[in-house]
Amino acid sequence: MLGIIINTKSGKKAYLRQRYYLFNLLKKRGEDYTYRITRYAGHATELARELAEKNGIRKFLVLGGDGTISETVNGLMAAKIPDRENLQFGFMPRGTGNDYGRFWGLTKNHRQSLARFFEGTPQPVDIGCVEFYRNGEQHKHYFINSVGFGVDARTCAYTSVLKYYVGSHSINYFFSFIFALTHHKSKLATLRTDQGLELEKPLFTMNIGNGPFSGGGIRQNPDADPRDGIFHAMFVTTPTFGQVLKAVPHVFDGKLTELPFIHTYTAQEVQLDSPEIDPQSGQHENNFSFEADGIMVDACGPLRITCEKHALQIVC
């Protein structure tokens, strides 16, 4: 049986037409399916886990944006089942950014996306995992595309505010990015990777990529591939105003990493923490809120980010 998870709020103007086409196609194909509609943030995670655990479903189709796909994957990765290697997922992009779909060559053409899903061959794909603390308890959050800190996270937070007031528009991310660049302050961080990189520097922004795109087409890690079992990452310490001006024209052309003040690395595991002490409380200041696939997560370090190689199968 096929499990379908639908976010009606993503691309809602075209929803009725797309839904009619999908259900008509399912009828013609004689597909056995069940579907669920998300009602709130995080609901797709609950639905995917329930369908996998209680309904025994192993193949999923997601109608939604990057966030809905990411939530679904979080549910699949958290599902307590003995055969996770058999889980398959595909998607019909319905969001604003479509960063994960860009890598796979999927657009908002719903006919093309569905044809790719029903006719495609499953292939293994990597899933990122962030282990962090909140209120003294350890948690995990999975991501399909990228995880960002510093300016990346603040940009996501500003985008969410703009989305609330003016709706979902790809230009929102660009304006939020510019505002974050001019208002964010670096934080001293310690970074270690399984590839031998060790540093302690002010962290202005960092993006760890499982895929090459983020923020509606920004290519922060142009060489990232969600099939190769390794992250491609970039980080920037406190930049000068001149460096910021040099970076802005290259946010979409894939040449950001060619700038000398942008540092890059590869890793299968990254550990992130901060040695800073809060001057008011005298306690270790290790708040590291981050964005994962455009979803904001409040977190405290130390953080461990790992690449779960070939954790699931994608059909597209």
C-alpha atoms as a PDB file:
ATOM      1  CA  MET A   1       0.000   0.000   0.000  1.00  0.00           C
ATOM      2  CA  LEU A   2       1.109   3.549  -0.759  1.00  0.00           C
ATOM      3  CA  GLY A   3       1.042   6.158   2.018  1.00  0.00           C
ATOM      4  CA  ILE A   4       0.400   9.731   0.878  1.00  0.00           C
ATOM      5  CA  ILE A   5       1.078  12.766   3.058  1.00  0.00           C
ATOM      6  CA  ILE A   6      -0.344  16.077   1.853  1.00  0.00           C
ATOM      7  CA  ASN A   7       0.343  19.619   3.009  1.00  0.00           C
ATOM      8  CA  THR A   8      -2.532  21.615   1.531  1.00  0.00           C
ATOM      9  CA  LYS A   9      -0.988  24.943   2.569  1.00  0.00           C
ATOM     10  CA  SER A  10       2.050  24.539   0.302  1.00  0.00           C
ATOM     11  CA  GLY A  11       1.174  25.882  -3.144  1.00  0.00           C
ATOM     12  CA  LYS A  12      -2.481  26.004  -2.130  1.00  0.00           C
ATOM     13  CA  LYS A  13      -3.708  27.773  -5.294  1.00  0.00           C
ATOM     14  CA  ALA A  14      -2.968  24.702  -7.406  1.00  0.00           C
ATOM     15  CA  TYR A  15      -3.931  22.129  -4.784  1.00  0.00           C
ATOM     16  CA  LEU A  16      -7.395  21.133  -6.039  1.00  0.00           C
ATOM     17  CA  ARG A  17      -6.179  20.632  -9.600  1.00  0.00           C
ATOM     18  CA  GLN A  18      -3.162  18.609  -8.470  1.00  0.00           C
ATOM     19  CA  ARG A  19      -5.196  16.500  -6.064  1.00  0.00           C
ATOM     20  CA  TYR A  20      -7.763  15.667  -8.759  1.00  0.00           C
ATOM     21  CA  TYR A  21      -4.982  14.632 -11.155  1.00  0.00           C
ATOM     22  CA  LEU A  22      -3.249  12.469  -8.531  1.00  0.00           C
ATOM     23  CA  PHE A  23      -6.338  10.600  -7.366  1.00  0.00           C
ATOM     24  CA  ASN A  24      -7.471  10.071 -10.941  1.00  0.00           C
ATOM     25  CA  LEU A  25      -4.026   8.676 -11.762  1.00  0.00           C
ATOM     26  CA  LEU A  26      -4.131   6.363  -8.745  1.00  0.00           C
ATOM     27  CA  LYS A  27      -7.511   5.053  -9.863  1.00  0.00           C
ATOM     28  CA  LYS A  28      -6.271   4.385 -13.391  1.00  0.00           C
ATOM     29  CA  ARG A  29      -3.215   2.573 -12.062  1.00  0.00           C
ATOM     30  CA  GLY A  30      -5.274   0.532  -9.611  1.00  0.00           C
ATOM     31  CA  GLU A  31      -3.027   1.652  -6.744  1.00  0.00           C
ATOM     32  CA  ASP A  32      -3.963   0.699  -3.188  1.00  0.00           C
ATOM     33  CA  TYR A  33      -3.351   3.778  -1.039  1.00  0.00           C
ATOM     34  CA  THR A  34      -4.218   5.739   2.051  1.00  0.00           C
ATOM     35  CA  TYR A  35      -3.660   9.450   2.554  1.00  0.00           C
ATOM     36  CA  ARG A  36      -3.299  11.897   5.417  1.00  0.00           C
ATOM     37  CA  ILE A  37      -3.467  15.707   5.470  1.00  0.00           C
ATOM     38  CA  THR A  38      -1.172  17.690   7.764  1.00  0.00           C
ATOM     39  CA  ARG A  39      -2.859  20.049  10.215  1.00  0.00           C
ATOM     40  CA  TYR A  40       0.058  21.763  11.987  1.00  0.00           C
ATOM     41  CA  ALA A  41       3.837  22.064  12.098  1.00  0.00           C
ATOM     42  CA  GLY A  42       5.430  18.690  12.828  1.00  0.00           C
ATOM     43  CA  HIS A  43       2.274  16.752  11.934  1.00  0.00           C
ATOM     44  CA  ALA A  44       3.890  15.053   8.917  1.00  0.00           C
ATOM     45  CA  THR A  45       6.460  13.513  11.266  1.00  0.00           C
ATOM     46  CA  GLU A  46       3.716  12.000  13.411  1.00  0.00           C
ATOM     47  CA  LEU A  47       1.753  10.782  10.396  1.00  0.00           C
ATOM     48  CA  ALA A  48       4.729   9.148   8.676  1.00  0.00           C
ATOM     49  CA  ARG A  49       5.801   7.335  11.818  1.00  0.00           C
ATOM     50  CA  GLU A  50       2.273   6.120  12.508  1.00  0.00           C
ATOM     51  CA  LEU A  51       1.770   4.871   8.951  1.00  0.00           C
ATOM     52  CA  ALA A  52       5.098   3.014   9.030  1.00  0.00           C
ATOM     53  CA  GLU A  53       4.663   1.493  12.489  1.00  0.00           C
ATOM     54  CA  LYS A  54       0.934   0.775  12.698  1.00  0.00           C
ATOM     55  CA  ASN A  55      -0.096   0.429   9.065  1.00  0.00           C
ATOM     56  CA  GLY A  56       3.035  -1.332   7.842  1.00  0.00           C
ATOM     57  CA  ILE A  57       3.472   1.097   4.943  1.00  0.00           C
ATOM     58  CA  ARG A  58       6.906   1.129   3.330  1.00  0.00           C
ATOM     59  CA  LYS A  59       6.400   3.463   0.357  1.00  0.00           C
ATOM     60  CA  PHE A  60       5.473   7.133   0.795  1.00  0.00           C
ATOM     61  CA  LEU A  61       4.530   9.989  -1.500  1.00  0.00           C
ATOM     62  CA  VAL A  62       4.768  13.534  -0.110  1.00  0.00           C
ATOM     63  CA  LEU A  63       2.859  16.470  -1.571  1.00  0.00           C
ATOM     64  CA  GLY A  64       4.464  19.537  -0.061  1.00  0.00           C
ATOM     65  CA  GLY A  65       7.542  21.683   0.275  1.00  0.00           C
ATOM     66  CA  ASP A  66      10.993  20.942   1.667  1.00  0.00           C
ATOM     67  CA  GLY A  67       9.690  21.250   5.224  1.00  0.00           C
ATOM     68  CA  THR A  68       6.966  18.656   4.729  1.00  0.00           C
ATOM     69  CA  ILE A  69       9.407  16.262   3.042  1.00  0.00           C
ATOM     70  CA  SER A  70      11.867  16.783   5.895  1.00  0.00           C
ATOM     71  CA  GLU A  71       9.187  16.197   8.538  1.00  0.00           C
ATOM     72  CA  THR A  72       8.137  12.989   6.781  1.00  0.00           C
ATOM     73  CA  VAL A  73      11.726  11.750   6.730  1.00  0.00           C
ATOM     74  CA  ASN A  74      12.016  12.535  10.455  1.00  0.00           C
ATOM     75  CA  GLY A  75       9.008  10.304  11.033  1.00  0.00           C
ATOM     76  CA  LEU A  76      10.457   7.496   8.927  1.00  0.00           C
ATOM     77  CA  MET A  77      13.832   7.672  10.672  1.00  0.00           C
ATOM     78  CA  ALA A  78      12.183   7.647  14.113  1.00  0.00           C
ATOM     79  CA  ALA A  79       9.846   4.746  13.288  1.00  0.00           C
ATOM     80  CA  LYS A  80      10.495   1.645  15.364  1.00  0.00           C
ATOM     81  CA  ILE A  81      10.447  -0.962  12.623  1.00  0.00           C
ATOM     82  CA  PRO A  82      12.838  -3.847  11.854  1.00  0.00           C
ATOM     83  CA  ASP A  83      13.254  -3.118   8.133  1.00  0.00           C
ATOM     84  CA  ARG A  84      13.963   0.603   7.762  1.00  0.00           C
ATOM     85  CA  GLU A  85      16.186  -0.193   4.769  1.00  0.00           C
ATOM     86  CA  ASN A  86      12.975  -0.992   2.853  1.00  0.00           C
ATOM     87  CA  LEU A  87      11.413   2.440   3.397  1.00  0.00           C
ATOM     88  CA  GLN A  88      10.954   4.421   0.184  1.00  0.00           C
ATOM     89  CA  PHE A  89       9.809   7.992  -0.315  1.00  0.00           C
ATOM     90  CA  GLY A  90       9.196  10.322  -3.203  1.00  0.00           C
ATOM     91  CA  PHE A  91       7.594  13.714  -3.545  1.00  0.00           C
ATOM     92  CA  MET A  92       5.692  16.185  -5.637  1.00  0.00           C
ATOM     93  CA  PRO A  93       7.173  19.647  -4.880  1.00  0.00           C
ATOM     94  CA  ARG A  94       4.538  22.116  -3.740  1.00  0.00           C
ATOM     95  CA  GLY A  95       6.558  24.584  -1.656  1.00  0.00           C
ATOM     96  CA  THR A  96       8.375  27.839  -2.336  1.00  0.00           C
ATOM     97  CA  GLY A  97      12.060  26.918  -2.226  1.00  0.00           C
ATOM     98  CA  ASN A  98      12.066  23.371  -3.659  1.00  0.00           C
ATOM     99  CA  ASP A  99      15.762  23.022  -2.795  1.00  0.00           C
ATOM    100  CA  TYR A 100      15.716  19.245  -2.420  1.00  0.00           C
ATOM    101  CA  GLY A 101      13.769  18.876  -5.657  1.00  0.00           C
ATOM    102  CA  ARG A 102      16.289  21.021  -7.549  1.00  0.00           C
ATOM    103  CA  PHE A 103      18.987  18.410  -7.060  1.00  0.00           C
ATOM    104  CA  TRP A 104      16.756  15.651  -8.446  1.00  0.00           C
ATOM    105  CA  GLY A 105      15.552  17.756 -11.352  1.00  0.00           C
ATOM    106  CA  LEU A 106      11.998  17.976 -10.025  1.00  0.00           C
ATOM    107  CA  THR A 107      10.000  21.139 -10.618  1.00  0.00           C
ATOM    108  CA  LYS A 108       6.461  22.154  -9.679  1.00  0.00           C
ATOM    109  CA  ASN A 109       5.229  20.339 -12.785  1.00  0.00           C
ATOM    110  CA  HIS A 110       3.077  17.831 -10.902  1.00  0.00           C
ATOM    111  CA  ARG A 111       2.601  15.561 -13.914  1.00  0.00           C
ATOM    112  CA  GLN A 112       6.356  15.193 -14.348  1.00  0.00           C
ATOM    113  CA  SER A 113       6.961  14.614 -10.642  1.00  0.00           C
ATOM    114  CA  LEU A 114       4.297  11.933 -10.386  1.00  0.00           C
ATOM    115  CA  ALA A 115       5.526  10.208 -13.547  1.00  0.00           C
ATOM    116  CA  ARG A 116       9.021  10.101 -12.053  1.00  0.00           C
ATOM    117  CA  PHE A 117       7.635   8.649  -8.820  1.00  0.00           C
ATOM    118  CA  PHE A 118       5.495   5.904 -10.337  1.00  0.00           C
ATOM    119  CA  GLU A 119       7.998   4.957 -13.039  1.00  0.00           C
ATOM    120  CA  GLY A 120      11.243   5.542 -11.137  1.00  0.00           C
ATOM    121  CA  THR A 121      13.638   3.042  -9.613  1.00  0.00           C
ATOM    122  CA  PRO A 122      14.426   3.310  -5.875  1.00  0.00           C
ATOM    123  CA  GLN A 123      17.974   4.367  -5.015  1.00  0.00           C
ATOM    124  CA  PRO A 124      19.663   4.764  -1.612  1.00  0.00           C
ATOM    125  CA  VAL A 125      20.001   8.262  -0.219  1.00  0.00           C
ATOM    126  CA  ASP A 126      21.873   9.761   2.749  1.00  0.00           C
ATOM    127  CA  ILE A 127      20.066  11.427   5.644  1.00  0.00           C
ATOM    128  CA  GLY A 128      21.691  13.908   8.023  1.00  0.00           C
ATOM    129  CA  CYS A 129      21.206  13.706  11.784  1.00  0.00           C
ATOM    130  CA  VAL A 130      21.755  16.358  14.469  1.00  0.00           C
ATOM    131  CA  GLU A 131      22.061  15.186  18.068  1.00  0.00           C
ATOM    132  CA  PHE A 132      21.569  18.019  20.539  1.00  0.00           C
ATOM    133  CA  TYR A 133      20.320  18.845  24.030  1.00  0.00           C
ATOM    134  CA  ARG A 134      17.245  20.682  25.255  1.00  0.00           C
ATOM    135  CA  ASN A 135      16.442  21.066  28.956  1.00  0.00           C
ATOM    136  CA  GLY A 136      19.169  18.558  29.716  1.00  0.00           C
ATOM    137  CA  GLU A 137      17.653  15.848  27.519  1.00  0.00           C
ATOM    138  CA  GLN A 138      19.226  14.545  24.329  1.00  0.00           C
ATOM    139  CA  HIS A 139      17.259  14.786  21.098  1.00  0.00           C
ATOM    140  CA  LYS A 140      17.707  13.940  17.422  1.00  0.00           C
ATOM    141  CA  HIS A 141      16.580  15.867  14.365  1.00  0.00           C
ATOM    142  CA  TYR A 142      17.074  14.561  10.835  1.00  0.00           C
ATOM    143  CA  PHE A 143      17.519  16.564   7.655  1.00  0.00           C
ATOM    144  CA  ILE A 144      17.462  15.799   3.946  1.00  0.00           C
ATOM    145  CA  ASN A 145      19.209  18.816   2.523  1.00  0.00           C
ATOM    146  CA  SER A 146      21.235  20.975   4.897  1.00  0.00           C
ATOM    147  CA  VAL A 147      21.624  22.293   8.416  1.00  0.00           C
ATOM    148  CA  GLY A 148      22.645  25.877   9.092  1.00  0.00           C
ATOM    149  CA  PHE A 149      23.993  27.920  11.994  1.00  0.00           C
ATOM    150  CA  GLY A 150      24.570  31.609  12.648  1.00  0.00           C
ATOM    151  CA  VAL A 151      23.421  33.755   9.732  1.00  0.00           C
ATOM    152  CA  ASP A 152      21.825  30.697   8.146  1.00  0.00           C
ATOM    153  CA  ALA A 153      19.584  30.134  11.157  1.00  0.00           C
ATOM    154  CA  ARG A 154      18.777  33.798  11.615  1.00  0.00           C
ATOM    155  CA  THR A 155      17.852  34.095   7.932  1.00  0.00           C
ATOM    156  CA  CYS A 156      15.425  31.218   8.363  1.00  0.00           C
ATOM    157  CA  ALA A 157      13.883  32.889  11.417  1.00  0.00           C
ATOM    158  CA  TYR A 158      13.387  36.176   9.556  1.00  0.00           C
ATOM    159  CA  THR A 159      11.924  34.335   6.562  1.00  0.00           C
ATOM    160  CA  SER A 160       9.334  32.719   8.807  1.00  0.00           C
ATOM    161  CA  VAL A 161       8.270  36.152  10.061  1.00  0.00           C
ATOM    162  CA  LEU A 162       7.970  37.538   6.524  1.00  0.00           C
ATOM    163  CA  LYS A 163       6.045  34.450   5.448  1.00  0.00           C
ATOM    164  CA  TYR A 164       3.525  35.077   8.215  1.00  0.00           C
ATOM    165  CA  TYR A 165       2.880  38.665   7.127  1.00  0.00           C
ATOM    166  CA  VAL A 166       3.288  38.635   3.331  1.00  0.00           C
ATOM    167  CA  GLY A 167       2.912  34.971   2.370  1.00  0.00           C
ATOM    168  CA  SER A 168       5.359  32.508   0.813  1.00  0.00           C
ATOM    169  CA  HIS A 169       7.592  34.142  -1.795  1.00  0.00           C
ATOM    170  CA  SER A 170      11.084  33.077  -2.842  1.00  0.00           C
ATOM    171  CA  ILE A 171      12.295  36.690  -2.596  1.00  0.00           C
ATOM    172  CA  ASN A 172      11.582  36.590   1.156  1.00  0.00           C
ATOM    173  CA  TYR A 173      14.708  34.520   1.704  1.00  0.00           C
ATOM    174  CA  PHE A 174      16.935  36.994  -0.125  1.00  0.00           C
ATOM    175  CA  PHE A 175      15.755  39.991   1.914  1.00  0.00           C
ATOM    176  CA  SER A 176      16.004  37.961   5.126  1.00  0.00           C
ATOM    177  CA  PHE A 177      19.528  36.902   4.158  1.00  0.00           C
ATOM    178  CA  ILE A 178      20.643  40.510   3.628  1.00  0.00           C
ATOM    179  CA  PHE A 179      19.089  41.600   6.943  1.00  0.00           C
ATOM    180  CA  ALA A 180      20.720  38.703   8.804  1.00  0.00           C
ATOM    181  CA  LEU A 181      24.111  39.511   7.275  1.00  0.00           C
ATOM    182  CA  THR A 182      24.002  43.024   8.690  1.00  0.00           C
ATOM    183  CA  HIS A 183      22.614  42.178  12.136  1.00  0.00           C
ATOM    184  CA  HIS A 184      24.150  38.879  13.202  1.00  0.00           C
ATOM    185  CA  LYS A 185      27.102  38.764  15.600  1.00  0.00           C
ATOM    186  CA  SER A 186      29.654  35.957  15.542  1.00  0.00           C
ATOM    187  CA  LYS A 187      29.902  33.453  18.377  1.00  0.00           C
ATOM    188  CA  LEU A 188      33.053  31.654  19.485  1.00  0.00           C
ATOM    189  CA  ALA A 189      32.742  27.993  18.576  1.00  0.00           C
ATOM    190  CA  THR A 190      34.840  24.839  18.642  1.00  0.00           C
ATOM    191  CA  LEU A 191      34.567  22.575  15.613  1.00  0.00           C
ATOM    192  CA  ARG A 192      35.901  19.060  15.158  1.00  0.00           C
ATOM    193  CA  THR A 193      35.381  16.605  12.318  1.00  0.00           C
ATOM    194  CA  ASP A 194      36.166  12.949  11.734  1.00  0.00           C
ATOM    195  CA  GLN A 195      38.483  14.090   8.912  1.00  0.00           C
ATOM    196  CA  GLY A 196      40.874  15.707  11.408  1.00  0.00           C
ATOM    197  CA  LEU A 197      39.758  19.340  11.261  1.00  0.00           C
ATOM    198  CA  GLU A 198      39.947  21.110  14.653  1.00  0.00           C
ATOM    199  CA  LEU A 199      39.425  24.812  15.186  1.00  0.00           C
ATOM    200  CA  GLU A 200      38.216  27.368  17.661  1.00  0.00           C
ATOM    201  CA  LYS A 201      37.063  30.545  15.972  1.00  0.00           C
ATOM    202  CA  PRO A 202      34.195  33.044  15.935  1.00  0.00           C
ATOM    203  CA  LEU A 203      31.421  31.472  13.887  1.00  0.00           C
ATOM    204  CA  PHE A 204      29.500  33.916  11.728  1.00  0.00           C
ATOM    205  CA  THR A 205      27.720  31.376   9.567  1.00  0.00           C
ATOM    206  CA  MET A 206      28.009  27.697   8.711  1.00  0.00           C
ATOM    207  CA  ASN A 207      26.044  25.434   6.416  1.00  0.00           C
ATOM    208  CA  ILE A 208      26.549  21.673   6.364  1.00  0.00           C
ATOM    209  CA  GLY A 209      25.210  20.300   3.117  1.00  0.00           C
ATOM    210  CA  ASN A 210      23.791  16.913   2.319  1.00  0.00           C
ATOM    211  CA  GLY A 211      22.526  18.548  -0.889  1.00  0.00           C
ATOM    212  CA  PRO A 212      23.866  21.567  -2.807  1.00  0.00           C
ATOM    213  CA  PHE A 213      20.939  24.003  -2.567  1.00  0.00           C
ATOM    214  CA  SER A 214      19.346  25.972   0.250  1.00  0.00           C
ATOM    215  CA  GLY A 215      17.194  29.062   0.693  1.00  0.00           C
ATOM    216  CA  GLY A 216      15.420  28.838  -2.662  1.00  0.00           C
ATOM    217  CA  GLY A 217      18.404  28.073  -4.885  1.00  0.00           C
ATOM    218  CA  ILE A 218      21.426  29.402  -2.979  1.00  0.00           C
ATOM    219  CA  ARG A 219      24.374  27.094  -3.700  1.00  0.00           C
ATOM    220  CA  GLN A 220      26.363  27.222  -0.475  1.00  0.00           C
ATOM    221  CA  ASN A 221      27.842  23.774  -0.996  1.00  0.00           C
ATOM    222  CA  PRO A 222      27.781  23.204  -4.774  1.00  0.00           C
ATOM    223  CA  ASP A 223      29.550  19.822  -4.580  1.00  0.00           C
ATOM    224  CA  ALA A 224      27.217  18.250  -2.013  1.00  0.00           C
ATOM    225  CA  ASP A 225      25.484  15.062  -3.162  1.00  0.00           C
ATOM    226  CA  PRO A 226      22.923  13.204  -0.995  1.00  0.00           C
ATOM    227  CA  ARG A 227      24.184   9.857  -2.331  1.00  0.00           C
ATOM    228  CA  ASP A 228      27.925   9.996  -1.608  1.00  0.00           C
ATOM    229  CA  GLY A 229      27.940   9.354   2.161  1.00  0.00           C
ATOM    230  CA  ILE A 230      29.703  12.587   3.107  1.00  0.00           C
ATOM    231  CA  PHE A 231      28.857  16.197   3.958  1.00  0.00           C
ATOM    232  CA  HIS A 232      30.235  19.217   2.125  1.00  0.00           C
ATOM    233  CA  ALA A 233      30.297  22.232   4.413  1.00  0.00           C
ATOM    234  CA  MET A 234      31.232  25.904   4.452  1.00  0.00           C
ATOM    235  CA  PHE A 235      31.834  28.307   7.310  1.00  0.00           C
ATOM    236  CA  VAL A 236      32.751  31.959   7.697  1.00  0.00           C
ATOM    237  CA  THR A 237      34.332  33.712  10.640  1.00  0.00           C
ATOM    238  CA  THR A 238      33.531  37.395  11.212  1.00  0.00           C
ATOM    239  CA  PRO A 239      33.616  38.998   7.729  1.00  0.00           C
ATOM    240  CA  THR A 240      34.407  42.578   6.858  1.00  0.00           C
ATOM    241  CA  PHE A 241      31.817  44.756   5.171  1.00  0.00           C
ATOM    242  CA  GLY A 242      33.800  44.501   1.961  1.00  0.00           C
ATOM    243  CA  GLN A 243      33.762  40.723   2.100  1.00  0.00           C
ATOM    244  CA  VAL A 244      29.994  40.736   2.593  1.00  0.00           C
ATOM    245  CA  LEU A 245      29.628  42.902  -0.512  1.00  0.00           C
ATOM    246  CA  LYS A 246      31.771  40.444  -2.491  1.00  0.00           C
ATOM    247  CA  ALA A 247      29.698  37.491  -1.335  1.00  0.00           C
ATOM    248  CA  VAL A 248      26.214  38.820  -2.123  1.00  0.00           C
ATOM    249  CA  PRO A 249      26.521  38.625  -5.955  1.00  0.00           C
ATOM    250  CA  HIS A 250      27.541  34.956  -5.706  1.00  0.00           C
ATOM    251  CA  VAL A 251      24.822  33.549  -3.457  1.00  0.00           C
ATOM    252  CA  PHE A 252      23.094  31.833  -6.386  1.00  0.00           C
ATOM    253  CA  ASP A 253      25.866  31.106  -8.916  1.00  0.00           C
ATOM    254  CA  GLY A 254      27.736  28.388  -6.982  1.00  0.00           C
ATOM    255  CA  LYS A 255      30.913  30.471  -6.654  1.00  0.00           C
ATOM    256  CA  LEU A 256      30.607  31.390  -2.984  1.00  0.00           C
ATOM    257  CA  THR A 257      33.111  28.721  -1.973  1.00  0.00           C
ATOM    258  CA  GLU A 258      35.679  30.192  -4.365  1.00  0.00           C
ATOM    259  CA  LEU A 259      35.955  33.331  -2.235  1.00  0.00           C
ATOM    260  CA  PRO A 260      39.127  33.181  -0.077  1.00  0.00           C
ATOM    261  CA  PHE A 261      37.421  34.114   3.217  1.00  0.00           C
ATOM    262  CA  ILE A 262      34.882  31.277   2.927  1.00  0.00           C
ATOM    263  CA  HIS A 263      36.325  28.061   4.342  1.00  0.00           C
ATOM    264  CA  THR A 264      35.166  24.633   3.210  1.00  0.00           C
ATOM    265  CA  TYR A 265      35.552  21.089   4.489  1.00  0.00           C
ATOM    266  CA  THR A 266      34.125  17.600   4.076  1.00  0.00           C
ATOM    267  CA  ALA A 267      33.133  15.236   6.879  1.00  0.00           C
ATOM    268  CA  GLN A 268      30.928  12.338   7.852  1.00  0.00           C
ATOM    269  CA  GLU A 269      30.727  13.599  11.432  1.00  0.00           C
ATOM    270  CA  VAL A 270      30.923  17.116  12.865  1.00  0.00           C
ATOM    271  CA  GLN A 271      31.044  18.090  16.533  1.00  0.00           C
ATOM    272  CA  LEU A 272      30.150  21.645  17.479  1.00  0.00           C
ATOM    273  CA  ASP A 273      30.281  23.429  20.840  1.00  0.00           C
ATOM    274  CA  SER A 274      31.154  26.795  22.361  1.00  0.00           C
ATOM    275  CA  PRO A 275      33.665  27.649  25.108  1.00  0.00           C
ATOM    276  CA  GLU A 276      31.949  30.969  25.856  1.00  0.00           C
ATOM    277  CA  ILE A 277      30.721  31.798  29.364  1.00  0.00           C
ATOM    278  CA  ASP A 278      27.573  33.871  29.837  1.00  0.00           C
ATOM    279  CA  PRO A 279      28.749  36.998  31.733  1.00  0.00           C
ATOM    280  CA  GLN A 280      25.447  37.308  33.606  1.00  0.00           C
ATOM    281  CA  SER A 281      24.886  33.723  34.743  1.00  0.00           C
ATOM    282  CA  GLY A 282      28.508  32.571  34.698  1.00  0.00           C
ATOM    283  CA  GLN A 283      27.307  29.401  32.992  1.00  0.00           C
ATOM    284  CA  HIS A 284      28.554  27.724  29.860  1.00  0.00           C
ATOM    285  CA  GLU A 285      26.919  29.504  26.905  1.00  0.00           C
ATOM    286  CA  ASN A 286      26.209  26.697  24.457  1.00  0.00           C
ATOM    287  CA  ASN A 287      22.960  27.669  22.764  1.00  0.00           C
ATOM    288  CA  PHE A 288      23.149  26.602  19.122  1.00  0.00           C
ATOM    289  CA  SER A 289      19.733  27.066  17.596  1.00  0.00           C
ATOM    290  CA  PHE A 290      19.863  25.878  13.999  1.00  0.00           C
ATOM    291  CA  GLU A 291      17.752  25.503  10.916  1.00  0.00           C
ATOM    292  CA  ALA A 292      17.369  22.126   9.239  1.00  0.00           C
ATOM    293  CA  ASP A 293      15.714  22.161   5.812  1.00  0.00           C
ATOM    294  CA  GLY A 294      14.199  25.522   6.722  1.00  0.00           C
ATOM    295  CA  ILE A 295      12.815  24.298  10.052  1.00  0.00           C
ATOM    296  CA  MET A 296      14.013  26.184  13.139  1.00  0.00           C
ATOM    297  CA  VAL A 297      15.179  24.042  16.058  1.00  0.00           C
ATOM    298  CA  ASP A 298      16.034  25.429  19.519  1.00  0.00           C
ATOM    299  CA  ALA A 299      19.055  23.504  20.759  1.00  0.00           C
ATOM    300  CA  CYS A 300      21.994  23.482  23.120  1.00  0.00           C
ATOM    301  CA  GLY A 301      25.394  21.950  22.548  1.00  0.00           C
ATOM    302  CA  PRO A 302      27.436  20.020  22.344  1.00  0.00           C
ATOM    303  CA  LEU A 303      26.043  19.071  18.947  1.00  0.00           C
ATOM    304  CA  ARG A 304      26.927  16.039  16.871  1.00  0.00           C
ATOM    305  CA  ILE A 305      26.014  16.067  13.184  1.00  0.00           C
ATOM    306  CA  THR A 306      26.369  12.760  11.341  1.00  0.00           C
ATOM    307  CA  CYS A 307      25.750  11.531   7.816  1.00  0.00           C
ATOM    308  CA  GLU A 308      23.554   8.421   7.907  1.00  0.00           C
ATOM    309  CA  LYS A 309      24.743   6.831   4.675  1.00  0.00           C
ATOM    310  CA  HIS A 310      22.032   5.275   2.487  1.00  0.00           C
ATOM    311  CA  ALA A 311      19.535   5.401   5.362  1.00  0.00           C
ATOM    312  CA  LEU A 312      16.444   5.469   3.140  1.00  0.00           C
ATOM    313  CA  GLN A 313      15.490   4.961  -0.502  1.00  0.00           C
ATOM    314  CA  ILE A 314      14.210   7.709  -2.775  1.00  0.00           C
ATOM    315  CA  VAL A 315      12.032   7.189  -5.814  1.00  0.00           C
ATOM    316  CA  CYS A 316      12.160  10.040  -8.323  1.00  0.00           C
END
